[in-house]
Amino acid sequence: MQYAVTNPATGLTVRTFDSISDADLDSVIAGADGAYRRWARTTTVDERAALVRRVGELHLERKDELANIIVEEMGKPIDQAISEVEFAGAIYEYYADHSAEFLTDESIPLLGGTGSAVVRRSALGALLGIMPWNFPYYQVARFAGPNLIIGNTILLKHAEQCPESSAAIERMFRDAGFPQGAYVNIYATHDQIETVIADSRVQGVSLTGSERAGAAVAEIAGRNLKKVVLELGGSDPFILLSTDDLEATVKDAVAARLDNSGQSCNAAKRFIVADELYDEFLVAFTAKLAEVEATDPTSTHSMLGPLSSLRAAKGLDAQVQGAVANGATLVRGGRRTGAFFETTVLTDVAPENPASKEEFFGPVAQVFRAKHEADAVRIANDTPFGLGSYVYTTDSEQALRVADQLEAGMVFVNVVLADGAELPFGGVKRSGSGRELGRFGADEFVNKKLIRIAR
């Protein structure tokens, strides 16, 4: 395994980084455990929140530098890269503002006896974060921000193609005033990560990544009785039942599919359209997608850059070809040039077609015709995933009725790209377990300690 910056737009490897040695890794784990025992136990929530707030400020102060790093590492269009850095900064600020409230003692009314009972939330210790390449700053913020304020310390293993952004994040924590060991970036191999999870000094692990990675990490964590939070893949449905503005709805549908060049776990990927709107939607949606060309991600006009790597683009290409070979209709696109991939529309994806159960990580949309509301819900739930979902309708009662039936961790009604620092993020089924962001994101890696006092 090699940590390297390989520009997907050019295919050139720009920089490489050495993996950590086993001896240094053991020292790093000891440092994180020691920082928890010395620093986290002797500082207040407000003091830790102030440091996290400074990390958020540094994101904004350095946003151009940070954005350019990930444009080179994983091909994110520059405007979207800047937006990601700003969102990460907002997440740190949110937790700095609200963590004291989230960690307040929770009183429990007694059913009998005298005295009182409270639940007091406190830190667990050193945690391991395993983060993906698609949102290098945002993913770290939603894990590290709340947990450092809680008093946990962080060992962060980033994706192999994001070594420079991961180093930049560690520098910001140090520049903000965090002590040695509180937040440490580690260039670890997969075998070394297994060692970290098994280490008794590490109290939990959070992973955002693929199903395969999630299953492997959960297995190791389970063997070692460690708390684990998993945010895995998604094949989110976009259900269109009615609209009084088809043009605006199509615009939202395109935005939901192309966010981060289509490489977002909770992007809309399957478009399920009521029978009476299907033909008109398909024509308009396909035409709107066709207007978007994959271009140089350093341009402020770019809406769609390359995929994160040549390997990713080849994998998506194979998926599209496989879908067509199994009976799907290629309505538009499907061509690859290096790591750049055309916006693509597939229809007639039958339930027995393997593509109907796969996640397409890139600018590929599947469009389905639904006979009626119940049929739309059936198609939406006919997936192993359950991350996000989108419902478009002019009927508010229908919106809630459908939302209640969707097997997903999140439902957005008549809106896309509406994630927020205050909104819990996570899924069900094979999309993972646990939540990040919002109040729930500050309630995963904590000791909810009962204190019962007789009088």
Protein backbone atom coordinates (compact mmCIF):
# COMPACT_ATOMS: atom_id res chain seq x y z
CA MET A 1 0.00 0.00 0.00
CA GLN A 2 1.27 3.47 -0.87
CA TYR A 3 -0.10 6.83 0.18
CA ALA A 4 0.17 9.03 -2.90
CA VAL A 5 -1.31 12.10 -4.54
CA THR A 6 -2.27 11.05 -8.07
CA ASN A 7 -4.10 13.75 -9.99
CA PRO A 8 -7.08 12.01 -11.65
CA ALA A 9 -7.38 14.74 -14.28
CA THR A 10 -3.87 14.04 -15.57
CA GLY A 11 -3.08 10.58 -14.24
CA LEU A 12 0.24 11.85 -12.86
CA THR A 13 1.48 10.82 -9.42
CA VAL A 14 2.64 14.06 -7.85
CA ARG A 15 3.83 13.05 -4.36
CA THR A 16 4.19 9.88 -2.31
CA PHE A 17 4.24 9.36 1.46
CA ASP A 18 5.72 6.54 3.55
CA SER A 19 3.50 4.36 5.73
CA ILE A 20 4.04 4.50 9.48
CA SER A 21 6.32 1.88 11.04
CA ASP A 22 4.91 -0.61 13.55
CA ALA A 23 7.04 0.88 16.32
CA ASP A 24 5.89 4.41 15.57
CA LEU A 25 2.29 3.24 15.39
CA ASP A 26 2.50 1.72 18.86
CA SER A 27 3.97 4.99 20.11
CA VAL A 28 1.14 6.95 18.49
CA ILE A 29 -1.51 4.75 20.14
CA ALA A 30 0.20 5.22 23.49
CA GLY A 31 0.27 8.97 22.88
CA ALA A 32 -3.46 9.11 22.10
CA ASP A 33 -4.26 7.08 25.20
CA GLY A 34 -1.98 9.26 27.31
CA ALA A 35 -3.49 12.46 25.91
CA TYR A 36 -6.93 11.20 26.88
CA ARG A 37 -5.83 10.45 30.42
CA ARG A 38 -3.86 13.66 30.95
CA TRP A 39 -5.48 16.32 28.80
CA ALA A 40 -9.07 15.24 28.28
CA ARG A 41 -9.64 14.58 31.97
CA THR A 42 -8.21 17.90 33.13
CA THR A 43 -9.88 20.29 30.67
CA THR A 44 -13.47 21.47 30.56
CA VAL A 45 -15.99 21.14 27.78
CA ASP A 46 -15.75 24.89 27.17
CA GLU A 47 -11.96 24.75 26.91
CA ARG A 48 -12.07 21.91 24.41
CA ALA A 49 -14.86 23.62 22.48
CA ALA A 50 -12.72 26.74 22.14
CA LEU A 51 -9.95 24.70 20.50
CA VAL A 52 -12.42 23.05 18.11
CA ARG A 53 -13.84 26.46 17.25
CA ARG A 54 -10.34 27.57 16.29
CA VAL A 55 -9.99 24.54 14.00
CA GLY A 56 -13.14 25.68 12.22
CA GLU A 57 -11.75 29.19 11.85
CA LEU A 58 -8.52 27.82 10.39
CA HIS A 59 -10.52 25.96 7.75
CA LEU A 60 -11.98 29.25 6.59
CA GLU A 61 -8.69 31.12 6.79
CA ARG A 62 -6.96 28.45 4.68
CA LYS A 63 -9.89 27.47 2.45
CA ASP A 64 -8.21 28.23 -0.88
CA GLU A 65 -5.13 26.20 0.02
CA LEU A 66 -7.22 23.34 1.39
CA ALA A 67 -9.55 23.31 -1.60
CA ASN A 68 -6.70 23.19 -4.11
CA ILE A 69 -5.25 20.17 -2.31
CA ILE A 70 -8.36 18.04 -2.83
CA VAL A 71 -8.86 19.21 -6.41
CA GLU A 72 -5.48 17.63 -7.08
CA GLU A 73 -6.03 14.58 -4.86
CA MET A 74 -9.49 13.46 -5.96
CA GLY A 75 -10.64 15.78 -8.75
CA LYS A 76 -13.39 17.71 -6.98
CA PRO A 77 -14.43 20.83 -8.95
CA ILE A 78 -12.86 23.85 -7.25
CA ASP A 79 -16.10 25.62 -6.30
CA GLN A 80 -17.39 22.44 -4.68
CA ALA A 81 -14.05 21.96 -2.94
CA ILE A 82 -14.28 25.43 -1.40
CA SER A 83 -17.86 24.73 -0.34
CA GLU A 84 -16.75 21.51 1.35
CA VAL A 85 -14.07 23.31 3.34
CA GLU A 86 -16.60 25.94 4.41
CA PHE A 87 -19.09 23.26 5.47
CA ALA A 88 -16.41 21.52 7.51
CA GLY A 89 -15.67 24.82 9.24
CA ALA A 90 -19.37 25.24 9.99
CA ILE A 91 -19.52 21.78 11.56
CA TYR A 92 -16.69 22.58 13.97
CA GLU A 93 -18.43 25.85 14.84
CA TYR A 94 -21.75 24.07 15.40
CA TYR A 95 -20.25 21.64 17.89
CA ALA A 96 -18.32 24.40 19.62
CA ASP A 97 -21.63 26.23 20.08
CA HIS A 98 -23.77 23.29 21.19
CA SER A 99 -21.67 20.53 22.80
CA ALA A 100 -22.02 21.89 26.32
CA GLU A 101 -25.79 21.61 25.88
CA PHE A 102 -25.50 18.07 24.46
CA LEU A 103 -23.33 16.96 27.40
CA THR A 104 -25.52 18.40 30.15
CA ASP A 105 -26.56 15.89 32.82
CA GLU A 106 -29.89 14.25 32.04
CA SER A 107 -32.17 13.86 35.06
CA ILE A 108 -34.28 10.70 35.37
CA PRO A 109 -37.55 10.90 37.36
CA LEU A 110 -37.61 8.07 39.91
CA LEU A 111 -40.56 5.66 40.07
CA GLY A 112 -39.94 5.01 43.75
CA GLY A 113 -37.57 5.77 46.60
CA THR A 114 -35.87 8.98 47.55
CA GLY A 115 -32.98 10.89 46.09
CA SER A 116 -32.07 11.46 42.47
CA ALA A 117 -30.71 9.87 39.32
CA VAL A 118 -28.84 11.41 36.41
CA VAL A 119 -27.09 10.22 33.27
CA ARG A 120 -23.74 11.93 32.89
CA ARG A 121 -22.05 11.77 29.50
CA SER A 122 -18.27 11.43 29.45
CA ALA A 123 -15.50 10.37 27.10
CA LEU A 124 -14.49 6.80 26.32
CA GLY A 125 -10.85 7.34 25.34
CA ALA A 126 -8.86 7.04 22.13
CA LEU A 127 -10.92 6.45 18.98
CA LEU A 128 -9.98 5.39 15.47
CA GLY A 129 -11.50 7.12 12.46
CA ILE A 130 -11.22 5.53 9.00
CA MET A 131 -12.25 8.12 6.44
CA PRO A 132 -12.92 8.06 2.65
CA TRP A 133 -11.60 10.16 -0.21
CA ASN A 134 -14.83 11.69 -1.50
CA PHE A 135 -15.20 14.42 1.16
CA PRO A 136 -11.76 14.63 2.78
CA TYR A 137 -12.50 17.54 5.16
CA TYR A 138 -16.22 17.16 5.81
CA GLN A 139 -15.96 13.49 6.79
CA VAL A 140 -13.27 14.22 9.37
CA ALA A 141 -15.13 17.23 10.79
CA ARG A 142 -18.30 15.34 11.61
CA PHE A 143 -16.30 12.64 13.43
CA ALA A 144 -13.52 14.61 15.10
CA GLY A 145 -15.42 17.78 16.04
CA PRO A 146 -17.88 16.36 18.58
CA ASN A 147 -15.61 13.64 19.88
CA LEU A 148 -12.74 15.95 20.76
CA ILE A 149 -15.11 18.23 22.66
CA ILE A 150 -16.50 15.20 24.49
CA GLY A 151 -12.93 14.46 25.55
CA ASN A 152 -12.06 11.53 23.31
CA THR A 153 -8.79 11.59 21.38
CA ILE A 154 -8.51 10.76 17.68
CA LEU A 155 -6.34 8.51 15.55
CA LEU A 156 -7.25 9.30 11.95
CA LYS A 157 -6.51 6.95 9.05
CA HIS A 158 -7.50 8.69 5.82
CA ALA A 159 -7.82 7.21 2.34
CA GLU A 160 -4.54 6.37 0.63
CA GLN A 161 -5.16 8.97 -2.07
CA CYS A 162 -5.64 11.79 0.45
CA PRO A 163 -2.30 12.01 2.26
CA GLU A 164 -1.81 15.73 1.74
CA SER A 165 -5.25 16.83 2.91
CA SER A 166 -4.99 14.54 5.93
CA ALA A 167 -1.66 16.12 6.87
CA ALA A 168 -3.17 19.59 6.43
CA ILE A 169 -5.99 18.67 8.82
CA GLU A 170 -3.53 17.50 11.48
CA ARG A 171 -1.60 20.77 11.13
CA MET A 172 -4.76 22.74 11.82
CA PHE A 173 -5.42 20.82 15.02
CA ARG A 174 -1.88 21.47 16.19
CA ASP A 175 -1.99 25.13 15.15
CA ALA A 176 -5.28 25.50 17.03
CA GLY A 177 -3.53 24.47 20.25
CA PHE A 178 -4.41 20.81 20.69
CA PRO A 179 -1.72 18.92 22.62
CA GLN A 180 0.38 16.13 21.16
CA GLY A 181 -1.66 12.96 20.89
CA ALA A 182 -5.12 14.55 20.89
CA TYR A 183 -5.47 14.31 17.10
CA VAL A 184 -2.98 12.26 15.08
CA ASN A 185 -2.95 11.48 11.36
CA ILE A 186 -1.60 7.99 10.64
CA TYR A 187 -0.49 6.62 7.27
CA ALA A 188 -1.30 3.04 8.24
CA THR A 189 -1.65 -0.13 6.18
CA HIS A 190 -4.74 -2.33 6.32
CA ASP A 191 -2.91 -4.86 8.48
CA GLN A 192 -1.84 -2.12 10.86
CA ILE A 193 -5.42 -0.85 11.12
CA GLU A 194 -6.51 -4.30 12.28
CA THR A 195 -3.86 -4.01 14.99
CA VAL A 196 -5.17 -0.57 16.01
CA ILE A 197 -8.76 -1.77 16.30
CA ALA A 198 -7.68 -4.74 18.41
CA ASP A 199 -5.52 -2.64 20.74
CA SER A 200 -7.04 -2.39 24.24
CA ARG A 201 -6.11 1.31 24.41
CA VAL A 202 -8.48 2.10 21.52
CA GLN A 203 -12.13 2.26 22.61
CA GLY A 204 -14.07 2.55 19.36
CA VAL A 205 -13.92 2.96 15.60
CA SER A 206 -15.88 4.98 13.06
CA LEU A 207 -15.67 4.11 9.37
CA THR A 208 -17.13 5.76 6.31
CA GLY A 209 -16.55 3.68 3.22
CA SER A 210 -17.63 0.68 1.19
CA GLU A 211 -19.74 -2.27 2.29
CA ARG A 212 -16.68 -4.52 2.07
CA ALA A 213 -14.61 -2.23 4.27
CA GLY A 214 -17.49 -1.85 6.71
CA ALA A 215 -17.96 -5.60 7.03
CA ALA A 216 -14.23 -6.14 7.61
CA VAL A 217 -13.97 -3.41 10.25
CA ALA A 218 -17.18 -4.50 12.01
CA GLU A 219 -15.88 -8.09 12.16
CA ILE A 220 -12.60 -7.03 13.76
CA ALA A 221 -14.36 -4.61 16.12
CA GLY A 222 -16.85 -7.31 17.11
CA ARG A 223 -14.10 -9.80 17.92
CA ASN A 224 -12.53 -7.20 20.16
CA LEU A 225 -15.79 -5.90 21.68
CA LYS A 226 -15.37 -2.37 20.35
CA LYS A 227 -18.10 0.16 19.63
CA VAL A 228 -18.35 0.83 15.89
CA VAL A 229 -20.19 3.40 13.77
CA LEU A 230 -20.52 2.65 10.05
CA GLU A 231 -21.59 4.97 7.22
CA LEU A 232 -21.51 2.88 4.08
CA GLY A 233 -22.92 3.08 0.57
CA GLY A 234 -26.26 4.20 -0.73
CA SER A 235 -28.47 3.98 -3.81
CA ASP A 236 -30.87 6.70 -2.81
CA PRO A 237 -34.25 6.97 -4.52
CA PHE A 238 -35.60 10.24 -5.90
CA ILE A 239 -39.37 9.73 -6.03
CA LEU A 240 -41.40 12.11 -8.20
CA LEU A 241 -45.14 11.73 -7.64
CA SER A 242 -46.40 15.19 -8.61
CA THR A 243 -45.03 18.66 -9.31
CA ASP A 244 -46.31 22.07 -10.29
CA ASP A 245 -42.92 23.00 -11.78
CA LEU A 246 -41.29 20.19 -13.73
CA GLU A 247 -38.36 22.35 -14.83
CA ALA A 248 -37.41 23.15 -11.23
CA THR A 249 -37.86 19.52 -10.22
CA VAL A 250 -35.57 18.36 -13.03
CA LYS A 251 -32.99 20.93 -12.02
CA ASP A 252 -33.06 19.54 -8.47
CA ALA A 253 -32.83 15.98 -9.77
CA VAL A 254 -29.70 16.81 -11.77
CA ALA A 255 -28.12 18.57 -8.80
CA ALA A 256 -28.89 15.59 -6.57
CA ARG A 257 -27.23 13.19 -9.02
CA LEU A 258 -24.12 15.23 -9.89
CA ASP A 259 -23.03 16.48 -6.45
CA ASN A 260 -19.30 15.74 -6.09
CA SER A 261 -19.27 14.42 -9.67
CA GLY A 262 -21.85 11.83 -8.62
CA GLN A 263 -19.53 10.42 -5.95
CA SER A 264 -21.65 11.03 -2.88
CA CYS A 265 -23.09 8.23 -0.74
CA ASN A 266 -26.39 10.06 -0.28
CA ALA A 267 -26.69 11.37 -3.84
CA ALA A 268 -29.92 10.52 -5.66
CA LYS A 269 -29.11 7.57 -7.90
CA ARG A 270 -32.45 5.94 -8.78
CA PHE A 271 -35.18 8.22 -10.15
CA ILE A 272 -38.65 6.76 -9.66
CA VAL A 273 -41.30 8.69 -11.55
CA ALA A 274 -45.08 8.45 -11.57
CA ASP A 275 -46.42 6.99 -14.80
CA GLU A 276 -48.14 10.19 -15.96
CA LEU A 277 -44.91 12.23 -15.54
CA TYR A 278 -42.38 9.61 -16.66
CA ASP A 279 -42.02 10.40 -20.37
CA GLU A 280 -41.83 14.15 -19.90
CA PHE A 281 -39.41 13.85 -16.98
CA LEU A 282 -37.10 11.43 -18.82
CA VAL A 283 -36.79 13.73 -21.84
CA ALA A 284 -36.17 16.85 -19.73
CA PHE A 285 -33.85 15.11 -17.26
CA THR A 286 -31.74 13.52 -19.98
CA ALA A 287 -31.45 16.85 -21.83
CA LYS A 288 -30.42 18.69 -18.66
CA LEU A 289 -27.79 16.09 -17.80
CA ALA A 290 -26.47 16.29 -21.36
CA GLU A 291 -25.74 19.99 -20.84
CA VAL A 292 -23.15 19.10 -18.19
CA GLU A 293 -19.77 18.05 -19.53
CA ALA A 294 -16.88 16.62 -17.54
CA THR A 295 -14.24 19.37 -17.51
CA ASP A 296 -11.06 20.57 -15.84
CA PRO A 297 -11.84 20.66 -12.09
CA THR A 298 -9.60 23.68 -11.53
CA SER A 299 -12.04 25.82 -13.55
CA THR A 300 -14.63 27.76 -11.55
CA HIS A 301 -17.12 26.87 -14.32
CA SER A 302 -16.72 23.12 -13.78
CA MET A 303 -19.81 21.29 -12.50
CA LEU A 304 -18.40 17.83 -13.19
CA GLY A 305 -14.78 16.82 -12.85
CA PRO A 306 -13.04 13.49 -13.33
CA LEU A 307 -13.87 10.58 -11.12
CA SER A 308 -11.52 10.16 -8.18
CA SER A 309 -9.17 7.83 -10.05
CA LEU A 310 -8.72 5.93 -13.27
CA ARG A 311 -9.58 2.76 -11.37
CA ALA A 312 -12.90 4.26 -10.23
CA ALA A 313 -13.76 5.32 -13.78
CA LYS A 314 -12.97 1.88 -15.17
CA GLY A 315 -15.11 0.30 -12.48
CA LEU A 316 -18.07 2.55 -13.30
CA ASP A 317 -17.59 1.80 -17.01
CA ALA A 318 -17.79 -1.93 -16.27
CA GLN A 319 -20.96 -1.42 -14.24
CA VAL A 320 -22.69 0.47 -17.04
CA GLN A 321 -21.68 -2.15 -19.61
CA GLY A 322 -22.88 -4.88 -17.27
CA ALA A 323 -26.24 -3.15 -16.77
CA VAL A 324 -26.77 -2.94 -20.55
CA ALA A 325 -25.66 -6.52 -21.06
CA ASN A 326 -28.35 -7.56 -18.58
CA GLY A 327 -31.14 -5.75 -20.39
CA ALA A 328 -30.96 -2.07 -19.41
CA THR A 329 -31.38 0.62 -22.06
CA LEU A 330 -28.59 3.19 -22.43
CA VAL A 331 -30.54 6.37 -23.11
CA ARG A 332 -27.55 8.69 -23.08
CA GLY A 333 -23.83 8.80 -22.33
CA GLY A 334 -21.82 5.84 -21.13
CA ARG A 335 -18.48 6.93 -22.55
CA ARG A 336 -15.24 7.23 -20.57
CA THR A 337 -12.13 9.28 -21.39
CA GLY A 338 -9.42 8.49 -18.87
CA ALA A 339 -10.92 9.24 -15.47
CA PHE A 340 -13.60 11.50 -16.99
CA PHE A 341 -17.05 9.95 -17.43
CA GLU A 342 -20.05 11.24 -19.37
CA THR A 343 -23.36 11.96 -17.68
CA THR A 344 -25.32 8.79 -18.29
CA VAL A 345 -28.96 7.69 -18.14
CA LEU A 346 -30.16 4.09 -17.91
CA THR A 347 -33.76 2.86 -18.13
CA ASP A 348 -35.44 -0.56 -18.18
CA VAL A 349 -33.33 -1.77 -15.26
CA ALA A 350 -35.27 -4.87 -14.23
CA PRO A 351 -35.27 -6.17 -10.64
CA GLU A 352 -33.28 -9.22 -11.73
CA ASN A 353 -30.60 -7.01 -13.33
CA PRO A 354 -27.67 -6.87 -10.86
CA ALA A 355 -27.41 -3.13 -11.58
CA SER A 356 -30.69 -2.56 -9.75
CA LYS A 357 -29.02 -3.60 -6.49
CA GLU A 358 -25.66 -1.86 -7.02
CA GLU A 359 -24.40 1.58 -6.09
CA PHE A 360 -23.20 3.58 -9.12
CA PHE A 361 -20.56 5.99 -7.80
CA GLY A 362 -20.40 8.56 -10.56
CA PRO A 363 -22.66 10.55 -12.94
CA VAL A 364 -24.95 7.63 -13.85
CA ALA A 365 -28.71 7.79 -13.23
CA GLN A 366 -31.25 4.98 -13.38
CA VAL A 367 -34.84 6.04 -14.20
CA PHE A 368 -37.83 3.88 -13.28
CA ARG A 369 -41.54 4.14 -14.10
CA ALA A 370 -43.93 3.72 -11.15
CA LYS A 371 -47.57 2.74 -11.70
CA HIS A 372 -48.75 4.48 -8.54
CA GLU A 373 -47.62 5.56 -5.07
CA ALA A 374 -47.38 2.04 -3.65
CA ASP A 375 -45.36 0.90 -6.65
CA ALA A 376 -42.96 3.84 -6.19
CA VAL A 377 -42.41 2.86 -2.56
CA ARG A 378 -41.85 -0.76 -3.58
CA ILE A 379 -39.21 0.21 -6.13
CA ALA A 380 -37.54 2.61 -3.69
CA ASN A 381 -37.22 -0.07 -1.01
CA ASP A 382 -36.06 -2.79 -3.43
CA THR A 383 -32.41 -2.24 -2.59
CA PRO A 384 -29.95 -3.54 -0.01
CA PHE A 385 -29.17 0.07 0.92
CA GLY A 386 -31.04 2.50 3.14
CA LEU A 387 -29.14 5.77 3.47
CA GLY A 388 -31.06 8.79 2.13
CA SER A 389 -34.12 9.38 -0.03
CA TYR A 390 -36.00 12.19 -1.76
CA VAL A 391 -39.73 12.64 -2.24
CA TYR A 392 -41.23 15.24 -4.58
CA THR A 393 -44.96 15.81 -4.36
CA THR A 394 -47.45 18.67 -4.09
CA ASP A 395 -49.48 16.67 -1.55
CA SER A 396 -48.17 17.20 1.99
CA GLU A 397 -50.09 14.25 3.41
CA GLN A 398 -48.71 12.00 0.69
CA ALA A 399 -45.18 13.24 1.46
CA LEU A 400 -45.41 12.13 5.09
CA ARG A 401 -47.19 8.90 4.17
CA VAL A 402 -44.45 7.93 1.73
CA ALA A 403 -41.66 9.12 4.06
CA ASP A 404 -42.98 6.81 6.78
CA GLN A 405 -42.78 3.82 4.42
CA LEU A 406 -39.26 4.39 3.09
CA GLU A 407 -36.56 2.12 4.49
CA ALA A 408 -33.95 4.86 4.85
CA GLY A 409 -32.17 6.80 7.54
CA MET A 410 -33.03 10.16 5.96
CA VAL A 411 -35.93 11.52 3.89
CA PHE A 412 -35.85 14.93 2.18
CA VAL A 413 -39.14 16.26 0.84
CA ASN A 414 -39.11 18.70 -2.10
CA VAL A 415 -35.48 19.64 -1.46
CA VAL A 416 -31.99 18.35 -2.31
CA LEU A 417 -28.47 19.18 -1.07
CA ALA A 418 -30.02 20.15 2.27
CA ASP A 419 -27.59 18.45 4.65
CA GLY A 420 -26.74 20.54 7.68
CA ALA A 421 -24.45 20.41 10.69
CA GLU A 422 -27.55 20.17 12.90
CA LEU A 423 -29.16 17.28 10.96
CA PRO A 424 -28.33 13.66 11.87
CA PHE A 425 -26.72 11.67 9.04
CA GLY A 426 -26.81 7.88 8.73
CA GLY A 427 -28.62 4.89 7.35
CA VAL A 428 -30.13 1.47 7.84
CA LYS A 429 -29.81 -1.92 6.15
CA ARG A 430 -26.46 -2.24 4.36
CA SER A 431 -25.88 1.52 4.53
CA GLY A 432 -24.54 1.15 8.04
CA SER A 433 -25.43 1.92 11.64
CA GLY A 434 -25.09 4.85 13.98
CA ARG A 435 -25.42 8.55 13.29
CA GLU A 436 -23.13 11.51 12.74
CA LEU A 437 -23.87 15.25 12.84
CA GLY A 438 -26.42 17.02 15.00
CA ARG A 439 -27.11 16.05 18.59
CA PHE A 440 -27.03 12.35 17.70
CA GLY A 441 -23.49 12.65 16.36
CA ALA A 442 -22.34 13.70 19.82
CA ASP A 443 -24.02 10.71 21.45
CA GLU A 444 -22.25 7.72 19.88
CA PHE A 445 -18.83 7.49 21.56
CA VAL A 446 -19.80 8.48 25.09
CA ASN A 447 -20.14 6.73 28.41
CA LYS A 448 -23.76 7.35 29.44
CA LYS A 449 -23.02 6.84 33.10
CA LEU A 450 -25.91 6.47 35.56
CA ILE A 451 -25.39 8.19 38.91
CA ARG A 452 -28.10 7.20 41.42
CA ILE A 453 -28.04 8.98 44.76
CA ALA A 454 -30.27 7.83 47.62
CA ARG A 455 -30.60 11.25 49.30
